[in-house]
């Protein structure tokens, strides 16, 4: 059971607000689907999506997250319901029906977004009033991108979300990333062949890391280690064009540029709430870029990284 308690201060008196979980799955589902982007950073695509006569199932909610990764959301009605196995069944169905999903994205969000769907890390979110210890143990043994989210209603106007489990396999060690980049840099002939086949190779994170200097990779590694050290709830998504750090939603996206000799961060902070420093921070609310975040921070040295740390903590706390 969740041990989170919420108290109301009324003068000298303190009273506990009783937390409740909705007993009817549909009411919970309607609440989330109406506010999906605000709650989880996911764009709504479909509800009760049929998997066809062969599979004979219905996916509770389909969506697309901030990184353009497909998302399946399943809501647990009762403690003894095996929603994880059900979600894994739908996840396999989704991977076998990519064109159908992209067509749905095109109808809802447009052709450009459909073309940008990233299949490297599809997500399964299981939402429930509570999970058993067997649920939490089971997802640790499954090498899939599964997240467990516990919710509680407090009164009529408060909703609490608790991230119970995030996939450990998505927490890549920064040193491992840099080591792989060094390995790539020694395979220059292979990279040349890839360049011919992939016109976007120079934009890929793995390629840019392999072309970066040791000093620049050290900055990348230092930021990586700092961010995952902020809390056990930090998830890392190594995407093709950037690295995303998230809790329930992204709070930092990181890129590296070997020619400019910079590590560029995009933080989910409101630029109007702080003083923008020329050459260090930039308001990008009206500037197109990969990833999410309205404040750009440019790091050229370890000194810049130290200056950026309070901003990174602030982005994490707001994420």
Protein backbone atom coordinates (compact mmCIF):
# COMPACT_ATOMS: atom_id res chain seq x y z
CA UNK A 1 0.00 0.00 0.00
CA UNK A 2 1.13 3.58 -0.62
CA UNK A 3 2.48 5.30 2.50
CA UNK A 4 2.15 8.83 1.11
CA UNK A 5 -0.10 11.01 3.25
CA UNK A 6 -1.41 14.50 2.58
CA UNK A 7 -2.26 16.96 5.35
CA UNK A 8 -4.24 20.19 5.35
CA UNK A 9 -3.12 23.09 7.53
CA UNK A 10 -6.00 25.18 8.85
CA UNK A 11 -4.58 27.62 11.35
CA UNK A 12 -3.29 25.67 14.34
CA UNK A 13 -5.18 22.54 13.30
CA UNK A 14 -3.76 19.84 11.04
CA UNK A 15 -6.05 17.30 9.42
CA UNK A 16 -5.24 14.39 7.15
CA UNK A 17 -6.89 14.26 3.75
CA UNK A 18 -7.98 10.67 3.11
CA UNK A 19 -6.63 9.28 -0.14
CA UNK A 20 -8.83 7.12 -2.33
CA UNK A 21 -8.46 5.08 -5.49
CA UNK A 22 -11.28 5.02 -8.01
CA UNK A 23 -13.04 1.67 -8.03
CA UNK A 24 -14.31 2.02 -11.59
CA UNK A 25 -11.61 1.82 -14.24
CA UNK A 26 -13.48 3.92 -16.80
CA UNK A 27 -13.72 7.01 -14.58
CA UNK A 28 -9.95 6.92 -14.05
CA UNK A 29 -9.35 6.39 -17.75
CA UNK A 30 -11.56 9.34 -18.74
CA UNK A 31 -9.75 11.61 -16.28
CA UNK A 32 -6.31 10.68 -17.63
CA UNK A 33 -7.26 10.81 -21.30
CA UNK A 34 -8.75 14.29 -20.91
CA UNK A 35 -5.50 15.56 -19.34
CA UNK A 36 -2.88 13.21 -20.76
CA UNK A 37 -0.38 15.82 -21.91
CA UNK A 38 -0.51 17.81 -18.68
CA UNK A 39 -0.19 14.72 -16.47
CA UNK A 40 2.31 12.57 -18.38
CA UNK A 41 3.59 14.59 -21.33
CA UNK A 42 1.81 12.23 -23.75
CA UNK A 43 -0.31 13.23 -26.74
CA UNK A 44 -3.60 11.36 -26.90
CA UNK A 45 -4.24 9.18 -29.96
CA UNK A 46 -7.03 6.69 -29.22
CA UNK A 47 -9.12 5.09 -26.50
CA UNK A 48 -10.24 1.44 -26.39
CA UNK A 49 -8.29 0.76 -29.59
CA UNK A 50 -9.23 -2.59 -31.08
CA UNK A 51 -6.44 -5.04 -31.89
CA UNK A 52 -8.64 -6.81 -34.42
CA UNK A 53 -10.54 -10.12 -34.49
CA UNK A 54 -7.41 -12.31 -34.27
CA UNK A 55 -5.95 -10.78 -31.12
CA UNK A 56 -9.40 -9.91 -29.79
CA UNK A 57 -8.33 -7.19 -27.38
CA UNK A 58 -8.74 -3.49 -26.70
CA UNK A 59 -5.88 -1.20 -25.69
CA UNK A 60 -7.09 1.19 -23.00
CA UNK A 61 -5.17 4.27 -24.24
CA UNK A 62 -2.74 4.84 -27.09
CA UNK A 63 -0.49 7.89 -27.18
CA UNK A 64 2.76 9.44 -28.37
CA UNK A 65 5.21 10.92 -25.88
CA UNK A 66 7.44 14.02 -26.04
CA UNK A 67 10.19 12.02 -27.75
CA UNK A 68 7.78 10.62 -30.36
CA UNK A 69 7.88 7.15 -28.78
CA UNK A 70 4.68 5.07 -28.93
CA UNK A 71 2.94 4.64 -25.56
CA UNK A 72 0.42 2.07 -24.37
CA UNK A 73 -1.44 2.88 -21.13
CA UNK A 74 -3.31 0.20 -19.20
CA UNK A 75 -5.38 0.90 -16.08
CA UNK A 76 -5.57 -1.73 -13.34
CA UNK A 77 -9.11 -2.31 -12.09
CA UNK A 78 -8.35 -4.59 -9.16
CA UNK A 79 -5.40 -5.86 -7.12
CA UNK A 80 -5.53 -9.38 -8.58
CA UNK A 81 -5.68 -8.28 -12.22
CA UNK A 82 -2.52 -9.09 -14.18
CA UNK A 83 -2.35 -5.84 -16.12
CA UNK A 84 1.39 -6.24 -16.82
CA UNK A 85 0.98 -9.42 -18.87
CA UNK A 86 -1.94 -7.86 -20.69
CA UNK A 87 0.12 -4.77 -21.48
CA UNK A 88 3.04 -6.88 -22.78
CA UNK A 89 0.61 -8.69 -25.10
CA UNK A 90 -0.51 -5.34 -26.52
CA UNK A 91 3.09 -4.09 -26.76
CA UNK A 92 4.00 -7.05 -28.96
CA UNK A 93 0.90 -6.39 -31.05
CA UNK A 94 1.96 -2.76 -31.47
CA UNK A 95 5.44 -3.71 -32.69
CA UNK A 96 3.84 -5.99 -35.28
CA UNK A 97 1.44 -3.25 -36.45
CA UNK A 98 3.71 -0.24 -36.83
CA UNK A 99 2.08 1.00 -40.03
CA UNK A 100 -1.36 0.96 -38.41
CA UNK A 101 -0.03 3.01 -35.50
CA UNK A 102 1.70 5.52 -37.78
CA UNK A 103 -1.48 5.90 -39.80
CA UNK A 104 -3.31 6.71 -36.57
CA UNK A 105 -0.63 9.30 -35.71
CA UNK A 106 -0.96 10.83 -39.17
CA UNK A 107 -4.73 11.17 -38.80
CA UNK A 108 -4.48 12.76 -35.35
CA UNK A 109 -1.21 14.74 -35.44
CA UNK A 110 -0.20 15.06 -39.09
CA UNK A 111 2.22 13.56 -41.59
CA UNK A 112 5.38 15.16 -40.15
CA UNK A 113 4.79 13.69 -36.70
CA UNK A 114 3.96 10.28 -38.20
CA UNK A 115 7.28 10.27 -40.05
CA UNK A 116 9.10 11.13 -36.82
CA UNK A 117 7.75 8.20 -34.74
CA UNK A 118 10.69 6.63 -32.88
CA UNK A 119 10.39 2.85 -32.46
CA UNK A 120 13.60 2.43 -30.46
CA UNK A 121 11.87 2.66 -27.07
CA UNK A 122 8.07 2.05 -27.08
CA UNK A 123 6.63 2.41 -23.57
CA UNK A 124 4.08 0.52 -21.48
CA UNK A 125 2.54 2.49 -18.60
CA UNK A 126 0.51 0.60 -16.00
CA UNK A 127 -1.57 2.90 -13.77
CA UNK A 128 -3.28 1.65 -10.62
CA UNK A 129 -4.42 2.63 -7.15
CA UNK A 130 -1.78 0.20 -5.88
CA UNK A 131 0.51 -2.63 -6.95
CA UNK A 132 1.47 -5.84 -5.20
CA UNK A 133 5.07 -6.68 -4.40
CA UNK A 134 4.80 -9.39 -7.06
CA UNK A 135 4.00 -6.73 -9.67
CA UNK A 136 7.06 -4.71 -8.70
CA UNK A 137 9.27 -7.80 -8.71
CA UNK A 138 7.95 -9.04 -12.05
CA UNK A 139 8.72 -5.85 -14.00
CA UNK A 140 12.31 -5.92 -12.71
CA UNK A 141 12.77 -9.30 -14.39
CA UNK A 142 11.37 -8.19 -17.75
CA UNK A 143 13.71 -6.42 -20.14
CA UNK A 144 11.02 -4.13 -21.52
CA UNK A 145 10.23 -0.44 -21.10
CA UNK A 146 7.54 -0.80 -18.40
CA UNK A 147 6.60 1.91 -15.90
CA UNK A 148 4.34 1.46 -12.88
CA UNK A 149 2.47 4.58 -11.73
CA UNK A 150 0.42 4.68 -8.53
CA UNK A 151 -2.32 7.28 -8.15
CA UNK A 152 -4.39 8.63 -5.29
CA UNK A 153 -7.31 11.07 -5.22
CA UNK A 154 -7.41 13.50 -2.30
CA UNK A 155 -10.77 15.20 -2.02
CA UNK A 156 -12.42 16.46 -5.20
CA UNK A 157 -9.58 18.47 -6.68
CA UNK A 158 -6.25 16.80 -5.87
CA UNK A 159 -4.57 13.95 -7.74
CA UNK A 160 -1.26 12.41 -6.67
CA UNK A 161 0.95 10.39 -9.04
CA UNK A 162 3.83 8.28 -7.73
CA UNK A 163 6.39 6.65 -10.02
CA UNK A 164 6.71 3.20 -8.46
CA UNK A 165 9.01 1.62 -11.04
CA UNK A 166 11.07 2.85 -13.96
CA UNK A 167 13.00 0.48 -16.26
CA UNK A 168 16.52 0.00 -14.94
CA UNK A 169 17.76 -0.98 -18.40
CA UNK A 170 17.11 2.57 -19.61
CA UNK A 171 19.58 3.94 -17.06
CA UNK A 172 22.69 3.72 -19.19
CA UNK A 173 25.96 4.51 -17.53
CA UNK A 174 27.52 7.66 -18.91
CA UNK A 175 30.96 6.04 -18.96
CA UNK A 176 29.53 3.22 -21.08
CA UNK A 177 28.11 5.72 -23.57
CA UNK A 178 31.46 7.47 -23.88
CA UNK A 179 33.28 4.14 -24.18
CA UNK A 180 30.97 3.12 -27.03
CA UNK A 181 31.64 6.47 -28.68
CA UNK A 182 35.40 5.86 -28.46
CA UNK A 183 34.86 2.45 -30.03
CA UNK A 184 32.91 4.02 -32.87
CA UNK A 185 35.65 6.57 -33.48
CA UNK A 186 38.07 3.73 -34.23
CA UNK A 187 35.76 2.34 -36.92
CA UNK A 188 36.09 5.16 -39.40
CA UNK A 189 35.75 2.98 -42.54
CA UNK A 190 32.46 1.58 -41.24
CA UNK A 191 31.26 5.10 -40.54
CA UNK A 192 32.04 6.09 -44.12
CA UNK A 193 29.91 3.24 -45.44
CA UNK A 194 27.11 4.27 -43.08
CA UNK A 195 27.42 7.88 -44.27
CA UNK A 196 26.61 6.76 -47.79
CA UNK A 197 23.53 4.84 -46.67
CA UNK A 198 22.33 7.27 -44.02
CA UNK A 199 22.24 10.95 -45.04
CA UNK A 200 21.39 11.87 -41.43
CA UNK A 201 24.35 10.04 -39.89
CA UNK A 202 26.10 13.28 -38.93
CA UNK A 203 23.07 14.20 -36.80
CA UNK A 204 23.04 10.92 -34.85
CA UNK A 205 24.16 11.12 -31.23
CA UNK A 206 26.39 8.05 -31.53
CA UNK A 207 28.22 9.56 -34.50
CA UNK A 208 28.62 13.00 -32.89
CA UNK A 209 29.96 11.40 -29.71
CA UNK A 210 32.49 9.40 -31.72
CA UNK A 211 33.70 12.60 -33.42
CA UNK A 212 33.99 14.61 -30.21
CA UNK A 213 37.20 15.36 -28.36
CA UNK A 214 38.00 13.68 -25.04
CA UNK A 215 37.41 16.96 -23.19
CA UNK A 216 33.97 17.39 -24.74
CA UNK A 217 33.02 13.77 -23.97
CA UNK A 218 34.11 14.38 -20.38
CA UNK A 219 31.60 17.25 -20.14
CA UNK A 220 28.89 15.03 -21.62
CA UNK A 221 29.74 12.26 -19.16
CA UNK A 222 29.78 14.67 -16.19
CA UNK A 223 26.30 16.01 -17.05
CA UNK A 224 25.01 12.46 -17.57
CA UNK A 225 26.29 11.31 -14.17
CA UNK A 226 25.04 14.45 -12.41
CA UNK A 227 21.51 14.10 -13.78
CA UNK A 228 21.05 10.39 -13.00
CA UNK A 229 22.40 11.11 -9.52
CA UNK A 230 19.58 13.55 -8.79
CA UNK A 231 17.16 10.76 -7.86
CA UNK A 232 16.20 7.12 -8.32
CA UNK A 233 13.24 8.22 -10.45
CA UNK A 234 15.41 9.64 -13.24
CA UNK A 235 15.08 7.76 -16.52
CA UNK A 236 17.49 8.06 -19.44
CA UNK A 237 16.40 7.63 -23.05
CA UNK A 238 19.26 7.36 -25.54
CA UNK A 239 17.54 8.49 -28.73
CA UNK A 240 18.97 8.93 -32.20
CA UNK A 241 19.23 12.71 -32.12
CA UNK A 242 19.51 13.52 -28.42
CA UNK A 243 19.54 12.04 -24.92
CA UNK A 244 16.45 12.68 -22.80
CA UNK A 245 16.36 12.69 -19.00
CA UNK A 246 12.90 12.34 -17.51
CA UNK A 247 10.81 11.61 -14.46
CA UNK A 248 7.17 11.40 -15.45
CA UNK A 249 8.06 13.89 -18.22
CA UNK A 250 11.31 15.11 -19.78
CA UNK A 251 13.16 17.72 -17.77
CA UNK A 252 16.46 17.88 -19.72
CA UNK A 253 17.45 16.95 -23.28
CA UNK A 254 21.15 16.83 -24.17
CA UNK A 255 23.01 17.06 -27.48
CA UNK A 256 26.70 17.22 -28.35
CA UNK A 257 28.30 19.15 -31.24
CA UNK A 258 31.92 18.21 -32.00
CA UNK A 259 32.56 20.98 -34.57
CA UNK A 260 31.19 23.73 -32.31
CA UNK A 261 32.86 22.00 -29.33
CA UNK A 262 29.76 22.37 -27.18
CA UNK A 263 27.35 20.26 -25.17
CA UNK A 264 23.87 21.75 -25.56
CA UNK A 265 21.13 21.23 -23.00
CA UNK A 266 17.44 22.05 -23.30
CA UNK A 267 15.82 22.46 -19.88
CA UNK A 268 12.12 22.45 -19.07
CA UNK A 269 12.26 25.86 -17.39
CA UNK A 270 10.46 29.11 -18.15
CA UNK A 271 13.14 31.51 -19.50
CA UNK A 272 11.11 34.50 -18.30
CA UNK A 273 11.71 33.46 -14.68
CA UNK A 274 15.51 33.87 -14.85
CA UNK A 275 18.16 36.14 -16.28
CA UNK A 276 19.31 34.94 -19.71
CA UNK A 277 23.10 35.20 -20.13
CA UNK A 278 24.44 35.74 -23.63
CA UNK A 279 26.56 32.80 -24.78
CA UNK A 280 25.43 30.61 -21.87
CA UNK A 281 21.63 30.52 -21.75
CA UNK A 282 19.05 31.27 -24.43
CA UNK A 283 15.27 31.52 -24.72
CA UNK A 284 14.23 28.98 -27.40
CA UNK A 285 10.47 29.08 -26.94
CA UNK A 286 10.12 30.26 -30.54
CA UNK A 287 13.13 28.42 -31.96
CA UNK A 288 12.88 24.93 -33.45
CA UNK A 289 15.14 22.25 -31.97
CA UNK A 290 15.28 18.54 -31.22
CA UNK A 291 13.93 17.34 -27.87
CA UNK A 292 11.92 19.36 -25.38
CA UNK A 293 12.62 22.36 -23.17
CA UNK A 294 12.38 26.14 -23.51
CA UNK A 295 15.75 27.12 -22.03
CA UNK A 296 18.94 26.32 -23.93
CA UNK A 297 22.17 26.03 -21.94
CA UNK A 298 25.50 25.86 -23.80
CA UNK A 299 28.45 24.15 -22.10
CA UNK A 300 31.98 24.66 -23.41
CA UNK A 301 33.93 23.78 -20.27
CA UNK A 302 33.66 22.16 -16.88
CA UNK A 303 33.28 25.66 -15.43
CA UNK A 304 30.12 26.10 -17.53
CA UNK A 305 28.87 22.75 -16.23
CA UNK A 306 29.33 23.93 -12.63
CA UNK A 307 27.42 27.13 -13.43
CA UNK A 308 24.60 25.07 -14.95
CA UNK A 309 24.12 22.72 -11.98
CA UNK A 310 21.59 24.91 -10.09
CA UNK A 311 19.51 25.12 -13.27
CA UNK A 312 19.64 21.36 -13.73
CA UNK A 313 18.46 20.80 -10.15
CA UNK A 314 15.66 23.31 -10.68
CA UNK A 315 14.56 21.55 -13.88
CA UNK A 316 14.59 18.18 -12.08
CA UNK A 317 12.53 19.49 -9.17
CA UNK A 318 9.98 20.90 -11.60
CA UNK A 319 9.88 17.73 -13.69
